[in-house]
């Protein structure tokens, strides 16, 4: 409801308590996008994919996915 800073703070705390929860990462990415941070949002989603989707192809491309997440995040 427009309280992006408060929402981001809550997600940061929740992800510290539940670091293996991809769901929290996805919803945090939605919040970041709504807050006008599309690069951070996409980077976070790429990290969620790299860390949480265990398919042979994702495993094969995990370094590229993670590298792209880092690059996109740097585009601020």
PDB file of N, CA and C in Angstrom:
ATOM      1  N   UNK A   1       0.814  -1.196   0.000  1.00  0.00           N
ATOM      2  CA  UNK A   1       0.000   0.000   0.000  1.00  0.00           C
ATOM      3  C   UNK A   1       0.860   1.263   0.000  1.00  0.00           C
ATOM      4  N   UNK A   2       1.997   1.202  -0.658  1.00  0.00           N
ATOM      5  CA  UNK A   2       2.849   2.368  -0.766  1.00  0.00           C
ATOM      6  C   UNK A   2       3.882   2.526   0.329  1.00  0.00           C
ATOM      7  N   UNK A   3       3.917   1.626   1.283  1.00  0.00           N
ATOM      8  CA  UNK A   3       4.887   1.713   2.378  1.00  0.00           C
ATOM      9  C   UNK A   3       6.072   0.796   2.073  1.00  0.00           C
ATOM     10  N   UNK A   4       6.816   1.172   1.022  1.00  0.00           N
ATOM     11  CA  UNK A   4       7.869   0.307   0.507  1.00  0.00           C
ATOM     12  C   UNK A   4       9.045   0.165   1.459  1.00  0.00           C
ATOM     13  N   UNK A   5       9.430   1.229   2.126  1.00  0.00           N
ATOM     14  CA  UNK A   5      10.558   1.136   3.059  1.00  0.00           C
ATOM     15  C   UNK A   5      10.224   0.204   4.219  1.00  0.00           C
ATOM     16  N   UNK A   6       9.012   0.339   4.730  1.00  0.00           N
ATOM     17  CA  UNK A   6       8.581  -0.521   5.831  1.00  0.00           C
ATOM     18  C   UNK A   6       8.510  -1.980   5.366  1.00  0.00           C
ATOM     19  N   UNK A   7       7.983  -2.183   4.183  1.00  0.00           N
ATOM     20  CA  UNK A   7       7.881  -3.520   3.624  1.00  0.00           C
ATOM     21  C   UNK A   7       9.271  -4.132   3.409  1.00  0.00           C
ATOM     22  N   UNK A   8      10.183  -3.357   2.868  1.00  0.00           N
ATOM     23  CA  UNK A   8      11.549  -3.852   2.642  1.00  0.00           C
ATOM     24  C   UNK A   8      12.230  -4.230   3.947  1.00  0.00           C
ATOM     25  N   UNK A   9      12.011  -3.436   4.981  1.00  0.00           N
ATOM     26  CA  UNK A   9      12.597  -3.742   6.296  1.00  0.00           C
ATOM     27  C   UNK A   9      12.041  -5.061   6.842  1.00  0.00           C
ATOM     28  N   UNK A  10      10.761  -5.269   6.655  1.00  0.00           N
ATOM     29  CA  UNK A  10      10.140  -6.516   7.118  1.00  0.00           C
ATOM     30  C   UNK A  10      10.700  -7.702   6.345  1.00  0.00           C
ATOM     31  N   UNK A  11      10.837  -7.556   5.024  1.00  0.00           N
ATOM     32  CA  UNK A  11      11.397  -8.650   4.233  1.00  0.00           C
ATOM     33  C   UNK A  11      12.835  -8.939   4.619  1.00  0.00           C
ATOM     34  N   UNK A  12      13.621  -7.923   4.891  1.00  0.00           N
ATOM     35  CA  UNK A  12      15.009  -8.134   5.303  1.00  0.00           C
ATOM     36  C   UNK A  12      15.079  -8.948   6.580  1.00  0.00           C
ATOM     37  N   UNK A  13      14.228  -8.605   7.544  1.00  0.00           N
ATOM     38  CA  UNK A  13      14.196  -9.360   8.804  1.00  0.00           C
ATOM     39  C   UNK A  13      13.721 -10.783   8.574  1.00  0.00           C
ATOM     40  N   UNK A  14      12.668 -10.938   7.784  1.00  0.00           N
ATOM     41  CA  UNK A  14      12.110 -12.271   7.535  1.00  0.00           C
ATOM     42  C   UNK A  14      13.106 -13.163   6.797  1.00  0.00           C
ATOM     43  N   UNK A  15      13.827 -12.593   5.835  1.00  0.00           N
ATOM     44  CA  UNK A  15      14.791 -13.390   5.085  1.00  0.00           C
ATOM     45  C   UNK A  15      15.991 -13.771   5.952  1.00  0.00           C
ATOM     46  N   UNK A  16      16.304 -12.965   6.962  1.00  0.00           N
ATOM     47  CA  UNK A  16      17.373 -13.328   7.896  1.00  0.00           C
ATOM     48  C   UNK A  16      16.946 -14.512   8.761  1.00  0.00           C
ATOM     49  N   UNK A  17      15.672 -14.546   9.119  1.00  0.00           N
ATOM     50  CA  UNK A  17      15.155 -15.636   9.948  1.00  0.00           C
ATOM     51  C   UNK A  17      14.915 -16.893   9.110  1.00  0.00           C
ATOM     52  N   UNK A  18      14.460 -16.710   7.870  1.00  0.00           N
ATOM     53  CA  UNK A  18      14.154 -17.822   6.971  1.00  0.00           C
ATOM     54  C   UNK A  18      14.975 -17.688   5.683  1.00  0.00           C
ATOM     55  N   UNK A  19      16.295 -17.863   5.753  1.00  0.00           N
ATOM     56  CA  UNK A  19      17.152 -17.604   4.595  1.00  0.00           C
ATOM     57  C   UNK A  19      16.895 -18.523   3.406  1.00  0.00           C
ATOM     58  N   UNK A  20      16.316 -19.677   3.631  1.00  0.00           N
ATOM     59  CA  UNK A  20      16.067 -20.611   2.542  1.00  0.00           C
ATOM     60  C   UNK A  20      14.707 -20.490   1.901  1.00  0.00           C
ATOM     61  N   UNK A  21      13.992 -19.411   2.179  1.00  0.00           N
ATOM     62  CA  UNK A  21      12.633 -19.251   1.668  1.00  0.00           C
ATOM     63  C   UNK A  21      12.609 -18.474   0.353  1.00  0.00           C
ATOM     64  N   UNK A  22      12.445 -19.177  -0.765  1.00  0.00           N
ATOM     65  CA  UNK A  22      12.385 -18.461  -2.038  1.00  0.00           C
ATOM     66  C   UNK A  22      11.139 -17.586  -2.147  1.00  0.00           C
ATOM     67  N   UNK A  23      10.077 -17.969  -1.447  1.00  0.00           N
ATOM     68  CA  UNK A  23       8.846 -17.189  -1.502  1.00  0.00           C
ATOM     69  C   UNK A  23       9.064 -15.766  -1.002  1.00  0.00           C
ATOM     70  N   UNK A  24       9.812 -15.641   0.077  1.00  0.00           N
ATOM     71  CA  UNK A  24      10.095 -14.305   0.604  1.00  0.00           C
ATOM     72  C   UNK A  24      10.883 -13.480  -0.396  1.00  0.00           C
ATOM     73  N   UNK A  25      11.831 -14.112  -1.073  1.00  0.00           N
ATOM     74  CA  UNK A  25      12.601 -13.410  -2.091  1.00  0.00           C
ATOM     75  C   UNK A  25      11.728 -12.917  -3.232  1.00  0.00           C
ATOM     76  N   UNK A  26      10.789 -13.749  -3.650  1.00  0.00           N
ATOM     77  CA  UNK A  26       9.888 -13.360  -4.742  1.00  0.00           C
ATOM     78  C   UNK A  26       9.037 -12.165  -4.332  1.00  0.00           C
ATOM     79  N   UNK A  27       8.463 -12.218  -3.151  1.00  0.00           N
ATOM     80  CA  UNK A  27       7.610 -11.103  -2.724  1.00  0.00           C
ATOM     81  C   UNK A  27       8.426  -9.843  -2.418  1.00  0.00           C
ATOM     82  N   UNK A  28       9.656 -10.019  -1.966  1.00  0.00           N
ATOM     83  CA  UNK A  28      10.521  -8.853  -1.781  1.00  0.00           C
ATOM     84  C   UNK A  28      10.831  -8.226  -3.142  1.00  0.00           C
ATOM     85  N   UNK A  29      11.045  -9.050  -4.151  1.00  0.00           N
ATOM     86  CA  UNK A  29      11.294  -8.529  -5.499  1.00  0.00           C
ATOM     87  C   UNK A  29      10.094  -7.736  -6.014  1.00  0.00           C
ATOM     88  N   UNK A  30       8.903  -8.209  -5.739  1.00  0.00           N
ATOM     89  CA  UNK A  30       7.696  -7.474  -6.134  1.00  0.00           C
ATOM     90  C   UNK A  30       7.668  -6.116  -5.445  1.00  0.00           C
ATOM     91  N   UNK A  31       8.003  -6.099  -4.169  1.00  0.00           N
ATOM     92  CA  UNK A  31       8.047  -4.843  -3.417  1.00  0.00           C
ATOM     93  C   UNK A  31       9.092  -3.898  -4.000  1.00  0.00           C
ATOM     94  N   UNK A  32      10.268  -4.427  -4.312  1.00  0.00           N
ATOM     95  CA  UNK A  32      11.326  -3.594  -4.881  1.00  0.00           C
ATOM     96  C   UNK A  32      10.894  -2.992  -6.220  1.00  0.00           C
ATOM     97  N   UNK A  33      10.230  -3.778  -7.029  1.00  0.00           N
ATOM     98  CA  UNK A  33       9.757  -3.276  -8.320  1.00  0.00           C
ATOM     99  C   UNK A  33       8.741  -2.160  -8.110  1.00  0.00           C
ATOM    100  N   UNK A  34       7.800  -2.376  -7.218  1.00  0.00           N
ATOM    101  CA  UNK A  34       6.781  -1.356  -6.932  1.00  0.00           C
ATOM    102  C   UNK A  34       7.404  -0.088  -6.361  1.00  0.00           C
ATOM    103  N   UNK A  35       8.545  -0.234  -5.686  1.00  0.00           N
ATOM    104  CA  UNK A  35       9.227   0.905  -5.082  1.00  0.00           C
ATOM    105  C   UNK A  35      10.135   1.622  -6.077  1.00  0.00           C
ATOM    106  N   UNK A  36      10.083   1.196  -7.341  1.00  0.00           N
ATOM    107  CA  UNK A  36      10.882   1.873  -8.356  1.00  0.00           C
ATOM    108  C   UNK A  36      12.307   1.387  -8.449  1.00  0.00           C
ATOM    109  N   UNK A  37      12.564   0.157  -8.014  1.00  0.00           N
ATOM    110  CA  UNK A  37      13.905  -0.420  -8.072  1.00  0.00           C
ATOM    111  C   UNK A  37      13.896  -1.666  -8.967  1.00  0.00           C
ATOM    112  N   UNK A  38      13.626  -1.493 -10.267  1.00  0.00           N
ATOM    113  CA  UNK A  38      13.478  -2.663 -11.140  1.00  0.00           C
ATOM    114  C   UNK A  38      14.752  -3.490 -11.282  1.00  0.00           C
ATOM    115  N   UNK A  39      15.917  -2.858 -11.302  1.00  0.00           N
ATOM    116  CA  UNK A  39      17.158  -3.633 -11.439  1.00  0.00           C
ATOM    117  C   UNK A  39      17.389  -4.520 -10.231  1.00  0.00           C
ATOM    118  N   UNK A  40      17.183  -3.975  -9.048  1.00  0.00           N
ATOM    119  CA  UNK A  40      17.334  -4.775  -7.828  1.00  0.00           C
ATOM    120  C   UNK A  40      16.310  -5.905  -7.807  1.00  0.00           C
ATOM    121  N   UNK A  41      15.107  -5.611  -8.274  1.00  0.00           N
ATOM    122  CA  UNK A  41      14.045  -6.614  -8.330  1.00  0.00           C
ATOM    123  C   UNK A  41      14.433  -7.777  -9.240  1.00  0.00           C
ATOM    124  N   UNK A  42      14.890  -7.470 -10.433  1.00  0.00           N
ATOM    125  CA  UNK A  42      15.281  -8.522 -11.380  1.00  0.00           C
ATOM    126  C   UNK A  42      16.476  -9.303 -10.840  1.00  0.00           C
ATOM    127  N   UNK A  43      17.453  -8.607 -10.267  1.00  0.00           N
ATOM    128  CA  UNK A  43      18.627  -9.282  -9.708  1.00  0.00           C
ATOM    129  C   UNK A  43      18.214 -10.259  -8.619  1.00  0.00           C
ATOM    130  N   UNK A  44      17.319  -9.839  -7.761  1.00  0.00           N
ATOM    131  CA  UNK A  44      16.859 -10.711  -6.685  1.00  0.00           C
ATOM    132  C   UNK A  44      16.128 -11.928  -7.243  1.00  0.00           C
ATOM    133  N   UNK A  45      15.289 -11.729  -8.247  1.00  0.00           N
ATOM    134  CA  UNK A  45      14.588 -12.861  -8.849  1.00  0.00           C
ATOM    135  C   UNK A  45      15.568 -13.848  -9.487  1.00  0.00           C
ATOM    136  N   UNK A  46      16.597 -13.320 -10.146  1.00  0.00           N
ATOM    137  CA  UNK A  46      17.612 -14.212 -10.721  1.00  0.00           C
ATOM    138  C   UNK A  46      18.322 -15.012  -9.626  1.00  0.00           C
ATOM    139  N   UNK A  47      18.608 -14.376  -8.504  1.00  0.00           N
ATOM    140  CA  UNK A  47      19.233 -15.091  -7.384  1.00  0.00           C
ATOM    141  C   UNK A  47      18.314 -16.181  -6.843  1.00  0.00           C
ATOM    142  N   UNK A  48      17.030 -15.868  -6.740  1.00  0.00           N
ATOM    143  CA  UNK A  48      16.066 -16.869  -6.266  1.00  0.00           C
ATOM    144  C   UNK A  48      16.064 -18.073  -7.207  1.00  0.00           C
ATOM    145  N   UNK A  49      16.071 -17.816  -8.503  1.00  0.00           N
ATOM    146  CA  UNK A  49      16.105 -18.913  -9.476  1.00  0.00           C
ATOM    147  C   UNK A  49      17.389 -19.725  -9.310  1.00  0.00           C
ATOM    148  N   UNK A  50      18.520 -19.047  -9.267  1.00  0.00           N
ATOM    149  CA  UNK A  50      19.804 -19.748  -9.164  1.00  0.00           C
ATOM    150  C   UNK A  50      19.909 -20.577  -7.886  1.00  0.00           C
ATOM    151  N   UNK A  51      19.335 -20.083  -6.810  1.00  0.00           N
ATOM    152  CA  UNK A  51      19.463 -20.759  -5.518  1.00  0.00           C
ATOM    153  C   UNK A  51      18.368 -21.790  -5.261  1.00  0.00           C
ATOM    154  N   UNK A  52      17.223 -21.660  -5.944  1.00  0.00           N
ATOM    155  CA  UNK A  52      16.066 -22.469  -5.556  1.00  0.00           C
ATOM    156  C   UNK A  52      15.546 -23.422  -6.612  1.00  0.00           C
ATOM    157  N   UNK A  53      15.889 -23.204  -7.863  1.00  0.00           N
ATOM    158  CA  UNK A  53      15.392 -24.077  -8.928  1.00  0.00           C
ATOM    159  C   UNK A  53      16.486 -25.097  -9.245  1.00  0.00           C
ATOM    160  N   UNK A  54      16.201 -26.332  -8.924  1.00  0.00           N
ATOM    161  CA  UNK A  54      17.209 -27.388  -9.078  1.00  0.00           C
ATOM    162  C   UNK A  54      16.891 -28.251 -10.299  1.00  0.00           C
ATOM    163  N   UNK A  55      17.171 -27.696 -11.459  1.00  0.00           N
ATOM    164  CA  UNK A  55      17.038 -28.472 -12.693  1.00  0.00           C
ATOM    165  C   UNK A  55      18.430 -28.565 -13.315  1.00  0.00           C
ATOM    166  N   UNK A  56      18.650 -29.555 -14.150  1.00  0.00           N
ATOM    167  CA  UNK A  56      19.979 -29.674 -14.765  1.00  0.00           C
ATOM    168  C   UNK A  56      20.399 -28.417 -15.530  1.00  0.00           C
ATOM    169  N   UNK A  57      19.480 -27.815 -16.255  1.00  0.00           N
ATOM    170  CA  UNK A  57      19.840 -26.623 -17.024  1.00  0.00           C
ATOM    171  C   UNK A  57      20.149 -25.431 -16.129  1.00  0.00           C
ATOM    172  N   UNK A  58      19.382 -25.232 -15.075  1.00  0.00           N
ATOM    173  CA  UNK A  58      19.672 -24.122 -14.147  1.00  0.00           C
ATOM    174  C   UNK A  58      21.022 -24.367 -13.487  1.00  0.00           C
ATOM    175  N   UNK A  59      21.292 -25.591 -13.091  1.00  0.00           N
ATOM    176  CA  UNK A  59      22.587 -25.905 -12.481  1.00  0.00           C
ATOM    177  C   UNK A  59      23.725 -25.606 -13.457  1.00  0.00           C
ATOM    178  N   UNK A  60      23.531 -25.942 -14.715  1.00  0.00           N
ATOM    179  CA  UNK A  60      24.546 -25.699 -15.731  1.00  0.00           C
ATOM    180  C   UNK A  60      24.819 -24.207 -15.900  1.00  0.00           C
ATOM    181  N   UNK A  61      23.763 -23.410 -15.870  1.00  0.00           N
ATOM    182  CA  UNK A  61      23.891 -21.973 -16.119  1.00  0.00           C
ATOM    183  C   UNK A  61      23.917 -21.127 -14.845  1.00  0.00           C
ATOM    184  N   UNK A  62      23.998 -21.776 -13.701  1.00  0.00           N
ATOM    185  CA  UNK A  62      23.983 -21.036 -12.432  1.00  0.00           C
ATOM    186  C   UNK A  62      25.042 -19.932 -12.366  1.00  0.00           C
ATOM    187  N   UNK A  63      26.287 -20.169 -12.774  1.00  0.00           N
ATOM    188  CA  UNK A  63      27.268 -19.070 -12.740  1.00  0.00           C
ATOM    189  C   UNK A  63      26.860 -17.888 -13.626  1.00  0.00           C
ATOM    190  N   UNK A  64      26.307 -18.172 -14.793  1.00  0.00           N
ATOM    191  CA  UNK A  64      25.872 -17.090 -15.688  1.00  0.00           C
ATOM    192  C   UNK A  64      24.682 -16.340 -15.101  1.00  0.00           C
ATOM    193  N   UNK A  65      23.757 -17.075 -14.503  1.00  0.00           N
ATOM    194  CA  UNK A  65      22.588 -16.438 -13.898  1.00  0.00           C
ATOM    195  C   UNK A  65      23.032 -15.547 -12.740  1.00  0.00           C
ATOM    196  N   UNK A  66      23.892 -16.064 -11.887  1.00  0.00           N
ATOM    197  CA  UNK A  66      24.384 -15.275 -10.749  1.00  0.00           C
ATOM    198  C   UNK A  66      25.201 -14.073 -11.220  1.00  0.00           C
ATOM    199  N   UNK A  67      26.021 -14.262 -12.248  1.00  0.00           N
ATOM    200  CA  UNK A  67      26.793 -13.149 -12.790  1.00  0.00           C
ATOM    201  C   UNK A  67      25.914 -12.063 -13.367  1.00  0.00           C
ATOM    202  N   UNK A  68      24.852 -12.461 -14.047  1.00  0.00           N
ATOM    203  CA  UNK A  68      23.917 -11.474 -14.579  1.00  0.00           C
ATOM    204  C   UNK A  68      23.189 -10.748 -13.458  1.00  0.00           C
ATOM    205  N   UNK A  69      22.868 -11.453 -12.389  1.00  0.00           N
ATOM    206  CA  UNK A  69      22.236 -10.799 -11.236  1.00  0.00           C
ATOM    207  C   UNK A  69      23.152  -9.712 -10.688  1.00  0.00           C
ATOM    208  N   UNK A  70      24.437 -10.042 -10.540  1.00  0.00           N
ATOM    209  CA  UNK A  70      25.406  -9.054 -10.045  1.00  0.00           C
ATOM    210  C   UNK A  70      25.519  -7.868 -10.996  1.00  0.00           C
ATOM    211  N   UNK A  71      25.575  -8.150 -12.289  1.00  0.00           N
ATOM    212  CA  UNK A  71      25.694  -7.067 -13.276  1.00  0.00           C
ATOM    213  C   UNK A  71      24.454  -6.163 -13.258  1.00  0.00           C
ATOM    214  N   UNK A  72      23.288  -6.762 -13.276  1.00  0.00           N
ATOM    215  CA  UNK A  72      22.049  -5.967 -13.280  1.00  0.00           C
ATOM    216  C   UNK A  72      21.962  -5.121 -12.019  1.00  0.00           C
ATOM    217  N   UNK A  73      22.351  -5.705 -10.890  1.00  0.00           N
ATOM    218  CA  UNK A  73      22.329  -4.954  -9.625  1.00  0.00           C
ATOM    219  C   UNK A  73      23.269  -3.755  -9.696  1.00  0.00           C
ATOM    220  N   UNK A  74      24.365  -3.871 -10.430  1.00  0.00           N
ATOM    221  CA  UNK A  74      25.342  -2.779 -10.515  1.00  0.00           C
ATOM    222  C   UNK A  74      24.868  -1.638 -11.392  1.00  0.00           C
ATOM    223  N   UNK A  75      23.797  -1.803 -12.133  1.00  0.00           N
ATOM    224  CA  UNK A  75      23.327  -0.798 -13.068  1.00  0.00           C
ATOM    225  C   UNK A  75      22.548   0.344 -12.407  1.00  0.00           C
ATOM    226  N   UNK A  76      22.514   0.408 -11.137  1.00  0.00           N
ATOM    227  CA  UNK A  76      21.754   1.420 -10.410  1.00  0.00           C
ATOM    228  C   UNK A  76      21.957   2.742 -11.054  1.00  0.00           C
TER     229      UNK A  76
END
